[in-house]
Amino acid sequence: MKKITISIILLLFIISLTGCNKKEVNITAEDITSNTILVKSNGELQVAFVEDFDKSYYNLSELDEFVKKEISLYNQQAGSEEIEIKDLLLRDGKAIMLLTFSGMAHYSAFNDVSAAYFNADMDNVALSLPEQFISAKDGSLVDRDSAMNNGKYKVVVLYEPFDIIVEGSVKYYSENVTLAANNKVQSNSEDMTVVIYKP
C-alpha cells in the first residue's frame, strides 16, 4: 500500500512539473515598441499595431471609436466574437493598439492581408514556401521537407514587417528574418516570412 501511495504522489508531482513547462505568453500595449504578433498555441492571436500619432488634429478617442465600430461590424458579419480590442494608448507620439483575433483567417480578412497558419505536415498547402529554412538550433540551412516533417509543428506565414512571437519555441525560420529569442523572430520585410515552431 505504501508503494502505491508513493507512486501516486510521484506521478502527480511529475504531471505538475510537466504542466509548469507550458508557460502562457501574453503581450501588453505597455511593453510594445514595434508591430508585434503573438501566436498562441491554440491558434489565437494577440496583435499590437504601432503607428505615428503625433499630429495635433489626431484624436485617440475618435480612433478608438472608429476601430470598435469596424470590429463590431466584422463580428456581426462573422456571426460571432472573432476580434476584440484589448488596449489603445498613446506613448511618445505613437498610438499602440492591441487586438485579439480568434485565428489567422480572421486576422487576414479583417486587415485585408495575406497570412496563414497551419500544421507543418499539412498536404495541399496553397502557398509556394521557401526551398530552405534556417535551423534555430544551430543556424544551419535545412531543406523544406526536413523543416516541415514534424506534424506537431505549426507554421506561421506573414507578409508584413512584424516581430513574431510564438507560444512555444521557434524551430525553423525563413532567411529574411532574424532570430531574436527562443520564441521570437523579427522581420523587416513585406516578402513572405515563415516561422515553423513547436507549441
N, C-alpha and C. Protein backbone atom coordinates (compact mmCIF):
# COMPACT_ATOMS: atom_id res chain seq x y z
N MET A 1 0.83 -1.20 0.00
CA MET A 1 0.00 0.00 0.00
C MET A 1 0.87 1.26 0.00
N LYS A 2 1.96 1.18 0.78
CA LYS A 2 2.86 2.32 0.87
C LYS A 2 3.50 2.64 -0.48
N LYS A 3 3.87 1.57 -1.23
CA LYS A 3 4.48 1.76 -2.55
C LYS A 3 3.49 2.42 -3.51
N ILE A 4 2.23 2.02 -3.45
CA ILE A 4 1.21 2.60 -4.33
C ILE A 4 1.03 4.08 -4.03
N THR A 5 0.98 4.43 -2.75
CA THR A 5 0.81 5.82 -2.35
C THR A 5 1.99 6.67 -2.83
N ILE A 6 3.21 6.16 -2.63
CA ILE A 6 4.40 6.89 -3.08
C ILE A 6 4.40 7.03 -4.60
N SER A 7 4.01 5.96 -5.29
CA SER A 7 3.96 6.02 -6.76
C SER A 7 2.96 7.06 -7.24
N ILE A 8 1.81 7.12 -6.60
CA ILE A 8 0.78 8.11 -6.98
C ILE A 8 1.29 9.52 -6.73
N ILE A 9 1.94 9.73 -5.59
CA ILE A 9 2.48 11.06 -5.27
C ILE A 9 3.54 11.46 -6.29
N LEU A 10 4.43 10.53 -6.63
CA LEU A 10 5.46 10.83 -7.64
C LEU A 10 4.85 11.13 -8.99
N LEU A 11 3.84 10.37 -9.37
CA LEU A 11 3.17 10.59 -10.65
C LEU A 11 2.52 11.97 -10.69
N LEU A 12 1.83 12.34 -9.62
CA LEU A 12 1.21 13.67 -9.56
C LEU A 12 2.26 14.78 -9.61
N PHE A 13 3.39 14.56 -8.96
CA PHE A 13 4.47 15.54 -8.97
C PHE A 13 5.02 15.72 -10.39
N ILE A 14 5.23 14.61 -11.09
CA ILE A 14 5.75 14.67 -12.46
C ILE A 14 4.76 15.37 -13.37
N ILE A 15 3.47 15.07 -13.21
CA ILE A 15 2.44 15.72 -14.02
C ILE A 15 2.42 17.22 -13.76
N SER A 16 2.55 17.61 -12.49
CA SER A 16 2.53 19.04 -12.17
C SER A 16 3.76 19.74 -12.75
N LEU A 17 4.91 19.07 -12.76
CA LEU A 17 6.10 19.67 -13.37
C LEU A 17 5.94 19.83 -14.87
N THR A 18 5.34 18.85 -15.50
CA THR A 18 5.10 18.93 -16.94
C THR A 18 4.18 20.10 -17.25
N GLY A 19 3.16 20.29 -16.46
CA GLY A 19 2.23 21.40 -16.66
C GLY A 19 2.91 22.75 -16.50
N CYS A 20 3.90 22.82 -15.64
CA CYS A 20 4.60 24.09 -15.40
C CYS A 20 5.48 24.49 -16.58
N ASN A 21 5.89 23.52 -17.38
CA ASN A 21 6.76 23.83 -18.51
C ASN A 21 6.05 24.63 -19.59
N LYS A 22 4.75 24.53 -19.69
CA LYS A 22 3.98 25.23 -20.71
C LYS A 22 3.61 26.61 -20.17
N LYS A 23 4.49 27.56 -20.36
CA LYS A 23 4.25 28.91 -19.84
C LYS A 23 3.40 29.69 -20.83
N GLU A 24 2.31 30.25 -20.33
CA GLU A 24 1.45 31.07 -21.19
C GLU A 24 2.12 32.42 -21.44
N VAL A 25 2.10 32.84 -22.68
CA VAL A 25 2.73 34.10 -23.07
C VAL A 25 1.64 35.09 -23.46
N ASN A 26 1.79 36.32 -23.03
CA ASN A 26 0.87 37.40 -23.41
C ASN A 26 1.69 38.65 -23.68
N ILE A 27 1.14 39.54 -24.50
CA ILE A 27 1.78 40.83 -24.71
C ILE A 27 0.84 41.92 -24.21
N THR A 28 1.42 43.04 -23.83
CA THR A 28 0.62 44.18 -23.40
C THR A 28 1.06 45.40 -24.20
N ALA A 29 0.17 46.34 -24.35
CA ALA A 29 0.48 47.56 -25.10
C ALA A 29 1.63 48.32 -24.45
N GLU A 30 1.74 48.23 -23.13
CA GLU A 30 2.81 48.94 -22.41
C GLU A 30 4.20 48.42 -22.77
N ASP A 31 4.29 47.13 -23.15
CA ASP A 31 5.58 46.52 -23.43
C ASP A 31 6.02 46.65 -24.89
N ILE A 32 5.15 47.11 -25.76
CA ILE A 32 5.37 47.04 -27.20
C ILE A 32 6.02 48.32 -27.73
N THR A 33 7.00 48.16 -28.62
CA THR A 33 7.62 49.32 -29.27
C THR A 33 7.53 49.23 -30.80
N SER A 34 7.17 48.07 -31.33
CA SER A 34 7.02 47.90 -32.78
C SER A 34 5.88 46.93 -33.06
N ASN A 35 5.43 46.89 -34.31
CA ASN A 35 4.34 45.98 -34.67
C ASN A 35 4.71 44.56 -34.26
N THR A 36 3.82 43.93 -33.51
CA THR A 36 4.11 42.62 -32.93
C THR A 36 2.90 41.72 -33.04
N ILE A 37 3.15 40.46 -33.38
CA ILE A 37 2.08 39.47 -33.40
C ILE A 37 2.51 38.29 -32.53
N LEU A 38 1.64 37.92 -31.60
CA LEU A 38 1.86 36.75 -30.75
C LEU A 38 0.91 35.66 -31.21
N VAL A 39 1.47 34.51 -31.58
CA VAL A 39 0.67 33.37 -32.00
C VAL A 39 0.58 32.42 -30.82
N LYS A 40 -0.63 32.27 -30.28
CA LYS A 40 -0.85 31.39 -29.13
C LYS A 40 -0.86 29.94 -29.60
N SER A 41 -0.63 29.02 -28.69
CA SER A 41 -0.56 27.60 -29.05
C SER A 41 -1.89 27.07 -29.58
N ASN A 42 -3.00 27.74 -29.23
CA ASN A 42 -4.32 27.31 -29.73
C ASN A 42 -4.71 28.01 -31.03
N GLY A 43 -3.79 28.81 -31.60
CA GLY A 43 -4.06 29.49 -32.87
C GLY A 43 -4.60 30.90 -32.73
N GLU A 44 -4.97 31.29 -31.51
CA GLU A 44 -5.42 32.67 -31.30
C GLU A 44 -4.24 33.62 -31.46
N LEU A 45 -4.55 34.87 -31.77
CA LEU A 45 -3.51 35.88 -31.98
C LEU A 45 -3.72 37.07 -31.07
N GLN A 46 -2.62 37.63 -30.59
CA GLN A 46 -2.61 38.96 -29.98
C GLN A 46 -1.74 39.81 -30.90
N VAL A 47 -2.29 40.89 -31.39
CA VAL A 47 -1.58 41.70 -32.38
C VAL A 47 -1.51 43.15 -31.90
N ALA A 48 -0.30 43.68 -31.84
CA ALA A 48 -0.09 45.08 -31.46
C ALA A 48 0.37 45.87 -32.68
N PHE A 49 -0.38 46.92 -32.96
CA PHE A 49 -0.05 47.82 -34.07
C PHE A 49 0.51 49.11 -33.47
N VAL A 50 1.63 49.58 -34.01
CA VAL A 50 2.25 50.81 -33.54
C VAL A 50 2.32 51.78 -34.72
N GLU A 51 1.67 52.93 -34.57
CA GLU A 51 1.61 53.91 -35.66
C GLU A 51 1.94 55.30 -35.13
N ASP A 52 2.59 56.12 -35.97
CA ASP A 52 2.84 57.51 -35.60
C ASP A 52 1.50 58.20 -35.37
N PHE A 53 1.43 58.97 -34.29
CA PHE A 53 0.18 59.64 -33.91
C PHE A 53 0.54 60.98 -33.29
N ASP A 54 1.31 61.77 -34.05
CA ASP A 54 1.91 62.97 -33.47
C ASP A 54 1.39 64.29 -34.04
N LYS A 55 0.28 64.24 -34.77
CA LYS A 55 -0.30 65.47 -35.30
C LYS A 55 -1.33 66.01 -34.31
N SER A 56 -1.43 67.34 -34.24
CA SER A 56 -2.32 67.97 -33.26
C SER A 56 -3.79 67.63 -33.51
N TYR A 57 -4.14 67.35 -34.75
CA TYR A 57 -5.54 67.06 -35.07
C TYR A 57 -5.90 65.58 -34.88
N TYR A 58 -4.93 64.73 -34.53
CA TYR A 58 -5.24 63.33 -34.25
C TYR A 58 -5.98 63.24 -32.92
N ASN A 59 -6.93 62.34 -32.85
CA ASN A 59 -7.74 62.19 -31.64
C ASN A 59 -7.83 60.70 -31.29
N LEU A 60 -7.29 60.33 -30.14
CA LEU A 60 -7.26 58.93 -29.74
C LEU A 60 -8.66 58.37 -29.51
N SER A 61 -9.55 59.17 -28.96
CA SER A 61 -10.93 58.72 -28.72
C SER A 61 -11.64 58.42 -30.03
N GLU A 62 -11.42 59.27 -31.03
CA GLU A 62 -12.03 59.03 -32.34
C GLU A 62 -11.48 57.75 -32.98
N LEU A 63 -10.18 57.54 -32.84
CA LEU A 63 -9.58 56.31 -33.36
C LEU A 63 -10.17 55.09 -32.67
N ASP A 64 -10.30 55.16 -31.36
CA ASP A 64 -10.87 54.06 -30.58
C ASP A 64 -12.30 53.76 -31.04
N GLU A 65 -13.08 54.80 -31.20
CA GLU A 65 -14.48 54.64 -31.63
C GLU A 65 -14.55 54.04 -33.03
N PHE A 66 -13.70 54.52 -33.93
CA PHE A 66 -13.69 54.01 -35.31
C PHE A 66 -13.34 52.52 -35.34
N VAL A 67 -12.29 52.14 -34.62
CA VAL A 67 -11.85 50.74 -34.62
C VAL A 67 -12.91 49.85 -34.00
N LYS A 68 -13.52 50.30 -32.92
CA LYS A 68 -14.58 49.49 -32.28
C LYS A 68 -15.76 49.27 -33.22
N LYS A 69 -16.11 50.29 -34.01
CA LYS A 69 -17.20 50.14 -34.98
C LYS A 69 -16.83 49.12 -36.05
N GLU A 70 -15.59 49.21 -36.55
CA GLU A 70 -15.14 48.26 -37.58
C GLU A 70 -15.13 46.83 -37.04
N ILE A 71 -14.68 46.67 -35.82
CA ILE A 71 -14.64 45.34 -35.20
C ILE A 71 -16.05 44.81 -35.00
N SER A 72 -16.94 45.67 -34.51
CA SER A 72 -18.33 45.27 -34.29
C SER A 72 -18.99 44.82 -35.59
N LEU A 73 -18.76 45.58 -36.64
CA LEU A 73 -19.32 45.22 -37.95
C LEU A 73 -18.76 43.88 -38.43
N TYR A 74 -17.46 43.69 -38.28
CA TYR A 74 -16.85 42.43 -38.71
C TYR A 74 -17.43 41.26 -37.92
N ASN A 75 -17.51 41.42 -36.59
CA ASN A 75 -18.04 40.34 -35.75
C ASN A 75 -19.49 40.01 -36.08
N GLN A 76 -20.28 41.03 -36.39
CA GLN A 76 -21.67 40.79 -36.79
C GLN A 76 -21.72 39.98 -38.08
N GLN A 77 -20.90 40.33 -39.04
CA GLN A 77 -20.88 39.60 -40.31
C GLN A 77 -20.34 38.18 -40.12
N ALA A 78 -19.41 38.01 -39.20
CA ALA A 78 -18.85 36.68 -38.94
C ALA A 78 -19.81 35.82 -38.14
N GLY A 79 -20.73 36.46 -37.43
CA GLY A 79 -21.71 35.71 -36.64
C GLY A 79 -21.23 35.33 -35.25
N SER A 80 -20.05 35.79 -34.88
CA SER A 80 -19.52 35.52 -33.54
C SER A 80 -18.39 36.50 -33.22
N GLU A 81 -17.97 36.48 -31.97
CA GLU A 81 -16.94 37.40 -31.48
C GLU A 81 -15.56 36.89 -31.89
N GLU A 82 -15.05 37.32 -33.03
CA GLU A 82 -13.78 36.83 -33.56
C GLU A 82 -12.62 37.79 -33.29
N ILE A 83 -12.95 39.07 -33.07
CA ILE A 83 -11.93 40.10 -32.86
C ILE A 83 -12.35 40.95 -31.67
N GLU A 84 -11.37 41.36 -30.89
CA GLU A 84 -11.65 42.22 -29.74
C GLU A 84 -10.51 43.22 -29.57
N ILE A 85 -10.85 44.46 -29.23
CA ILE A 85 -9.81 45.44 -28.92
C ILE A 85 -9.52 45.33 -27.43
N LYS A 86 -8.25 45.14 -27.11
CA LYS A 86 -7.85 44.95 -25.71
C LYS A 86 -7.30 46.22 -25.09
N ASP A 87 -6.62 47.02 -25.90
CA ASP A 87 -6.00 48.22 -25.34
C ASP A 87 -5.66 49.20 -26.46
N LEU A 88 -5.68 50.46 -26.11
CA LEU A 88 -5.25 51.53 -27.01
C LEU A 88 -4.65 52.62 -26.15
N LEU A 89 -3.41 52.96 -26.43
CA LEU A 89 -2.77 54.01 -25.64
C LEU A 89 -1.86 54.84 -26.52
N LEU A 90 -1.52 56.01 -26.02
CA LEU A 90 -0.64 56.94 -26.71
C LEU A 90 0.65 57.05 -25.91
N ARG A 91 1.80 56.82 -26.58
CA ARG A 91 3.09 56.91 -25.90
C ARG A 91 4.15 57.42 -26.86
N ASP A 92 4.82 58.48 -26.47
CA ASP A 92 5.93 59.04 -27.27
C ASP A 92 5.53 59.33 -28.71
N GLY A 93 4.34 59.90 -28.89
CA GLY A 93 3.88 60.27 -30.23
C GLY A 93 3.44 59.10 -31.08
N LYS A 94 3.21 57.96 -30.45
CA LYS A 94 2.76 56.77 -31.19
C LYS A 94 1.51 56.19 -30.54
N ALA A 95 0.58 55.78 -31.39
CA ALA A 95 -0.60 55.06 -30.91
C ALA A 95 -0.27 53.58 -30.94
N ILE A 96 -0.55 52.91 -29.83
CA ILE A 96 -0.31 51.47 -29.72
C ILE A 96 -1.65 50.80 -29.45
N MET A 97 -2.06 49.95 -30.37
CA MET A 97 -3.35 49.28 -30.26
C MET A 97 -3.13 47.78 -30.17
N LEU A 98 -3.77 47.16 -29.21
CA LEU A 98 -3.67 45.71 -29.03
C LEU A 98 -5.02 45.07 -29.32
N LEU A 99 -5.03 44.18 -30.31
CA LEU A 99 -6.24 43.46 -30.70
C LEU A 99 -6.02 41.97 -30.51
N THR A 100 -7.10 41.24 -30.27
CA THR A 100 -7.03 39.78 -30.26
C THR A 100 -7.90 39.25 -31.39
N PHE A 101 -7.43 38.18 -32.00
CA PHE A 101 -8.15 37.51 -33.10
C PHE A 101 -8.29 36.04 -32.74
N SER A 102 -9.43 35.47 -33.07
CA SER A 102 -9.65 34.05 -32.75
C SER A 102 -8.79 33.14 -33.61
N GLY A 103 -8.29 33.65 -34.73
CA GLY A 103 -7.44 32.84 -35.59
C GLY A 103 -6.88 33.67 -36.74
N MET A 104 -5.94 33.08 -37.46
CA MET A 104 -5.25 33.78 -38.54
C MET A 104 -6.19 34.16 -39.68
N ALA A 105 -7.19 33.34 -39.95
CA ALA A 105 -8.12 33.64 -41.05
C ALA A 105 -8.84 34.96 -40.79
N HIS A 106 -9.21 35.22 -39.55
CA HIS A 106 -9.91 36.47 -39.22
C HIS A 106 -8.94 37.66 -39.23
N TYR A 107 -7.70 37.43 -38.81
CA TYR A 107 -6.69 38.48 -38.91
C TYR A 107 -6.51 38.88 -40.37
N SER A 108 -6.38 37.89 -41.23
CA SER A 108 -6.17 38.12 -42.66
C SER A 108 -7.35 38.86 -43.28
N ALA A 109 -8.56 38.40 -42.97
CA ALA A 109 -9.76 39.01 -43.56
C ALA A 109 -9.99 40.43 -43.06
N PHE A 110 -9.84 40.65 -41.77
CA PHE A 110 -10.11 41.97 -41.19
C PHE A 110 -9.12 43.01 -41.70
N ASN A 111 -7.86 42.63 -41.83
CA ASN A 111 -6.82 43.57 -42.26
C ASN A 111 -6.57 43.55 -43.76
N ASP A 112 -7.27 42.66 -44.46
CA ASP A 112 -7.13 42.52 -45.91
C ASP A 112 -5.67 42.30 -46.31
N VAL A 113 -5.05 41.32 -45.63
CA VAL A 113 -3.66 40.95 -45.91
C VAL A 113 -3.57 39.44 -46.07
N SER A 114 -2.53 39.00 -46.75
CA SER A 114 -2.28 37.57 -46.86
C SER A 114 -1.57 37.09 -45.60
N ALA A 115 -2.01 35.97 -45.07
CA ALA A 115 -1.40 35.36 -43.89
C ALA A 115 -1.92 33.94 -43.78
N ALA A 116 -1.15 33.07 -43.12
CA ALA A 116 -1.59 31.68 -42.99
C ALA A 116 -1.04 31.08 -41.70
N TYR A 117 -1.75 30.04 -41.22
CA TYR A 117 -1.35 29.30 -40.03
C TYR A 117 -1.83 27.87 -40.22
N PHE A 118 -0.92 26.89 -40.16
CA PHE A 118 -1.31 25.50 -40.42
C PHE A 118 -0.29 24.55 -39.81
N ASN A 119 -0.64 23.25 -39.78
CA ASN A 119 0.28 22.22 -39.30
C ASN A 119 1.40 22.01 -40.32
N ALA A 120 2.59 21.74 -39.82
CA ALA A 120 3.75 21.61 -40.71
C ALA A 120 3.62 20.46 -41.69
N ASP A 121 2.95 19.38 -41.31
CA ASP A 121 2.85 18.23 -42.21
C ASP A 121 1.60 18.26 -43.09
N MET A 122 0.94 19.40 -43.14
CA MET A 122 -0.29 19.52 -43.93
C MET A 122 0.01 19.40 -45.42
N ASP A 123 -0.78 18.56 -46.08
CA ASP A 123 -0.67 18.43 -47.54
C ASP A 123 -1.49 19.53 -48.20
N ASN A 124 -1.24 19.75 -49.46
CA ASN A 124 -2.04 20.68 -50.27
C ASN A 124 -2.03 22.12 -49.76
N VAL A 125 -0.90 22.59 -49.30
CA VAL A 125 -0.79 23.99 -48.90
C VAL A 125 -0.73 24.84 -50.16
N ALA A 126 -1.63 25.81 -50.26
CA ALA A 126 -1.73 26.62 -51.48
C ALA A 126 -0.75 27.79 -51.46
N LEU A 127 0.45 27.54 -50.95
CA LEU A 127 1.49 28.57 -50.89
C LEU A 127 2.78 27.99 -51.45
N SER A 128 3.56 28.83 -52.06
CA SER A 128 4.88 28.41 -52.53
C SER A 128 5.89 28.79 -51.46
N LEU A 129 6.15 27.87 -50.54
CA LEU A 129 7.04 28.13 -49.42
C LEU A 129 8.50 28.09 -49.88
N PRO A 130 9.40 28.74 -49.11
CA PRO A 130 10.82 28.73 -49.47
C PRO A 130 11.37 27.31 -49.57
N GLU A 131 12.40 27.15 -50.38
CA GLU A 131 13.04 25.84 -50.56
C GLU A 131 13.87 25.45 -49.34
N GLN A 132 14.36 26.45 -48.60
CA GLN A 132 15.17 26.13 -47.42
C GLN A 132 14.88 27.10 -46.28
N PHE A 133 15.21 26.63 -45.08
CA PHE A 133 14.98 27.39 -43.85
C PHE A 133 16.24 27.37 -43.00
N ILE A 134 16.30 28.29 -42.05
CA ILE A 134 17.40 28.31 -41.09
C ILE A 134 16.95 27.57 -39.83
N SER A 135 17.81 26.71 -39.33
CA SER A 135 17.52 25.99 -38.09
C SER A 135 17.80 26.91 -36.90
N ALA A 136 16.83 27.03 -35.99
CA ALA A 136 17.03 27.86 -34.80
C ALA A 136 18.05 27.23 -33.86
N LYS A 137 18.24 25.94 -33.98
CA LYS A 137 19.16 25.22 -33.10
C LYS A 137 20.61 25.60 -33.34
N ASP A 138 21.03 25.61 -34.62
CA ASP A 138 22.45 25.85 -34.90
C ASP A 138 22.72 26.81 -36.05
N GLY A 139 21.67 27.39 -36.64
CA GLY A 139 21.86 28.35 -37.72
C GLY A 139 22.15 27.73 -39.07
N SER A 140 22.09 26.41 -39.15
CA SER A 140 22.36 25.74 -40.43
C SER A 140 21.14 25.83 -41.34
N LEU A 141 21.38 25.65 -42.64
CA LEU A 141 20.28 25.63 -43.61
C LEU A 141 19.75 24.21 -43.75
N VAL A 142 18.43 24.08 -43.77
CA VAL A 142 17.79 22.78 -43.98
C VAL A 142 16.78 22.93 -45.11
N ASP A 143 16.54 21.83 -45.82
CA ASP A 143 15.57 21.90 -46.91
C ASP A 143 14.14 21.91 -46.35
N ARG A 144 13.22 22.32 -47.18
CA ARG A 144 11.82 22.48 -46.78
C ARG A 144 11.24 21.19 -46.22
N ASP A 145 11.48 20.06 -46.87
CA ASP A 145 10.91 18.79 -46.41
C ASP A 145 11.39 18.44 -45.01
N SER A 146 12.65 18.68 -44.72
CA SER A 146 13.19 18.39 -43.38
C SER A 146 12.55 19.30 -42.33
N ALA A 147 12.37 20.56 -42.67
CA ALA A 147 11.79 21.52 -41.72
C ALA A 147 10.31 21.25 -41.46
N MET A 148 9.62 20.69 -42.46
CA MET A 148 8.17 20.53 -42.37
C MET A 148 7.73 19.10 -42.04
N ASN A 149 8.64 18.25 -41.61
CA ASN A 149 8.27 16.84 -41.47
C ASN A 149 7.67 16.46 -40.13
N ASN A 150 7.56 17.39 -39.20
CA ASN A 150 7.01 17.08 -37.88
C ASN A 150 5.58 17.59 -37.78
N GLY A 151 4.63 16.68 -37.66
CA GLY A 151 3.21 17.04 -37.59
C GLY A 151 2.82 17.82 -36.35
N LYS A 152 3.70 17.84 -35.35
CA LYS A 152 3.40 18.61 -34.13
C LYS A 152 3.77 20.08 -34.29
N TYR A 153 4.57 20.39 -35.30
CA TYR A 153 5.00 21.77 -35.52
C TYR A 153 3.89 22.56 -36.22
N LYS A 154 3.87 23.86 -35.96
CA LYS A 154 2.93 24.79 -36.60
C LYS A 154 3.72 25.74 -37.49
N VAL A 155 3.04 26.25 -38.52
CA VAL A 155 3.68 27.16 -39.47
C VAL A 155 2.91 28.47 -39.49
N VAL A 156 3.64 29.58 -39.37
CA VAL A 156 3.07 30.92 -39.46
C VAL A 156 3.65 31.58 -40.71
N VAL A 157 2.77 32.16 -41.53
CA VAL A 157 3.21 32.85 -42.75
C VAL A 157 2.63 34.26 -42.73
N LEU A 158 3.50 35.26 -42.82
CA LEU A 158 3.08 36.67 -42.88
C LEU A 158 3.80 37.36 -44.03
N TYR A 159 3.24 38.47 -44.44
CA TYR A 159 3.84 39.30 -45.49
C TYR A 159 3.98 40.74 -45.00
N GLU A 160 4.26 40.91 -43.73
CA GLU A 160 4.35 42.24 -43.13
C GLU A 160 5.57 42.30 -42.22
N PRO A 161 6.15 43.49 -42.05
CA PRO A 161 7.27 43.62 -41.12
C PRO A 161 6.77 43.63 -39.67
N PHE A 162 6.88 42.51 -39.01
CA PHE A 162 6.40 42.32 -37.65
C PHE A 162 7.46 41.63 -36.80
N ASP A 163 7.42 41.88 -35.50
CA ASP A 163 8.06 40.98 -34.55
C ASP A 163 7.05 39.85 -34.36
N ILE A 164 7.50 38.61 -34.53
CA ILE A 164 6.60 37.46 -34.41
C ILE A 164 7.03 36.66 -33.18
N ILE A 165 6.12 36.56 -32.23
CA ILE A 165 6.35 35.78 -31.01
C ILE A 165 5.43 34.57 -31.06
N VAL A 166 5.95 33.42 -30.67
CA VAL A 166 5.12 32.21 -30.65
C VAL A 166 5.05 31.68 -29.22
N GLU A 167 3.93 31.07 -28.90
CA GLU A 167 3.78 30.42 -27.60
C GLU A 167 4.35 29.01 -27.76
N GLY A 168 5.64 28.91 -27.62
CA GLY A 168 6.36 27.67 -27.86
C GLY A 168 7.80 28.03 -28.19
N SER A 169 8.44 27.23 -29.04
CA SER A 169 9.82 27.52 -29.42
C SER A 169 9.98 27.45 -30.94
N VAL A 170 10.68 28.45 -31.46
CA VAL A 170 10.95 28.51 -32.90
C VAL A 170 11.91 27.38 -33.25
N LYS A 171 11.58 26.63 -34.30
CA LYS A 171 12.44 25.54 -34.77
C LYS A 171 13.16 25.93 -36.06
N TYR A 172 12.42 26.53 -36.99
CA TYR A 172 12.99 26.94 -38.28
C TYR A 172 12.35 28.26 -38.70
N TYR A 173 13.06 29.02 -39.52
CA TYR A 173 12.52 30.30 -39.99
C TYR A 173 13.12 30.64 -41.34
N SER A 174 12.40 31.48 -42.08
CA SER A 174 12.86 31.87 -43.41
C SER A 174 14.09 32.78 -43.30
N GLU A 175 14.83 32.86 -44.40
CA GLU A 175 16.11 33.56 -44.39
C GLU A 175 15.99 35.08 -44.29
N ASN A 176 14.80 35.62 -44.43
CA ASN A 176 14.63 37.08 -44.40
C ASN A 176 14.27 37.61 -43.01
N VAL A 177 14.40 36.78 -41.98
CA VAL A 177 14.11 37.24 -40.62
C VAL A 177 15.31 36.97 -39.72
N THR A 178 15.28 37.59 -38.54
CA THR A 178 16.33 37.43 -37.55
C THR A 178 15.76 36.75 -36.32
N LEU A 179 16.44 35.74 -35.82
CA LEU A 179 16.03 35.09 -34.59
C LEU A 179 16.42 35.98 -33.42
N ALA A 180 15.43 36.44 -32.64
CA ALA A 180 15.69 37.38 -31.55
C ALA A 180 15.68 36.69 -30.19
N ALA A 181 14.96 35.58 -30.08
CA ALA A 181 14.86 34.82 -28.84
C ALA A 181 14.37 33.42 -29.19
N ASN A 182 14.31 32.56 -28.21
CA ASN A 182 13.83 31.19 -28.42
C ASN A 182 12.44 31.15 -29.03
N ASN A 183 11.64 32.17 -28.73
CA ASN A 183 10.25 32.19 -29.21
C ASN A 183 9.92 33.43 -30.05
N LYS A 184 10.95 34.09 -30.58
CA LYS A 184 10.69 35.36 -31.28
C LYS A 184 11.62 35.55 -32.48
N VAL A 185 11.03 36.01 -33.59
CA VAL A 185 11.81 36.44 -34.75
C VAL A 185 11.40 37.86 -35.11
N GLN A 186 12.28 38.55 -35.81
CA GLN A 186 12.00 39.91 -36.26
C GLN A 186 12.08 39.97 -37.78
N SER A 187 11.05 40.53 -38.39
CA SER A 187 11.01 40.67 -39.84
C SER A 187 10.88 42.14 -40.19
N ASN A 188 11.69 42.58 -41.15
CA ASN A 188 11.60 43.95 -41.65
C ASN A 188 11.15 43.96 -43.10
N SER A 189 10.58 42.86 -43.54
CA SER A 189 10.28 42.68 -44.95
C SER A 189 8.79 42.49 -45.20
N GLU A 190 8.34 42.91 -46.38
CA GLU A 190 6.98 42.62 -46.80
C GLU A 190 6.95 41.39 -47.70
N ASP A 191 8.11 40.74 -47.85
CA ASP A 191 8.15 39.45 -48.54
C ASP A 191 7.62 38.38 -47.59
N MET A 192 7.42 37.18 -48.12
CA MET A 192 6.92 36.09 -47.29
C MET A 192 7.87 35.79 -46.13
N THR A 193 7.33 35.84 -44.92
CA THR A 193 8.05 35.45 -43.71
C THR A 193 7.42 34.16 -43.21
N VAL A 194 8.26 33.16 -42.94
CA VAL A 194 7.75 31.87 -42.48
C VAL A 194 8.46 31.50 -41.18
N VAL A 195 7.66 31.10 -40.18
CA VAL A 195 8.19 30.62 -38.91
C VAL A 195 7.57 29.25 -38.65
N ILE A 196 8.41 28.28 -38.37
CA ILE A 196 7.96 26.94 -38.01
C ILE A 196 8.30 26.75 -36.54
N TYR A 197 7.30 26.45 -35.73
CA TYR A 197 7.56 26.37 -34.29
C TYR A 197 6.87 25.18 -33.65
N LYS A 198 7.37 24.83 -32.48
CA LYS A 198 6.77 23.76 -31.68
C LYS A 198 5.97 24.40 -30.56
N PRO A 199 4.65 24.18 -30.53
CA PRO A 199 3.83 24.78 -29.46
C PRO A 199 4.20 24.22 -28.08
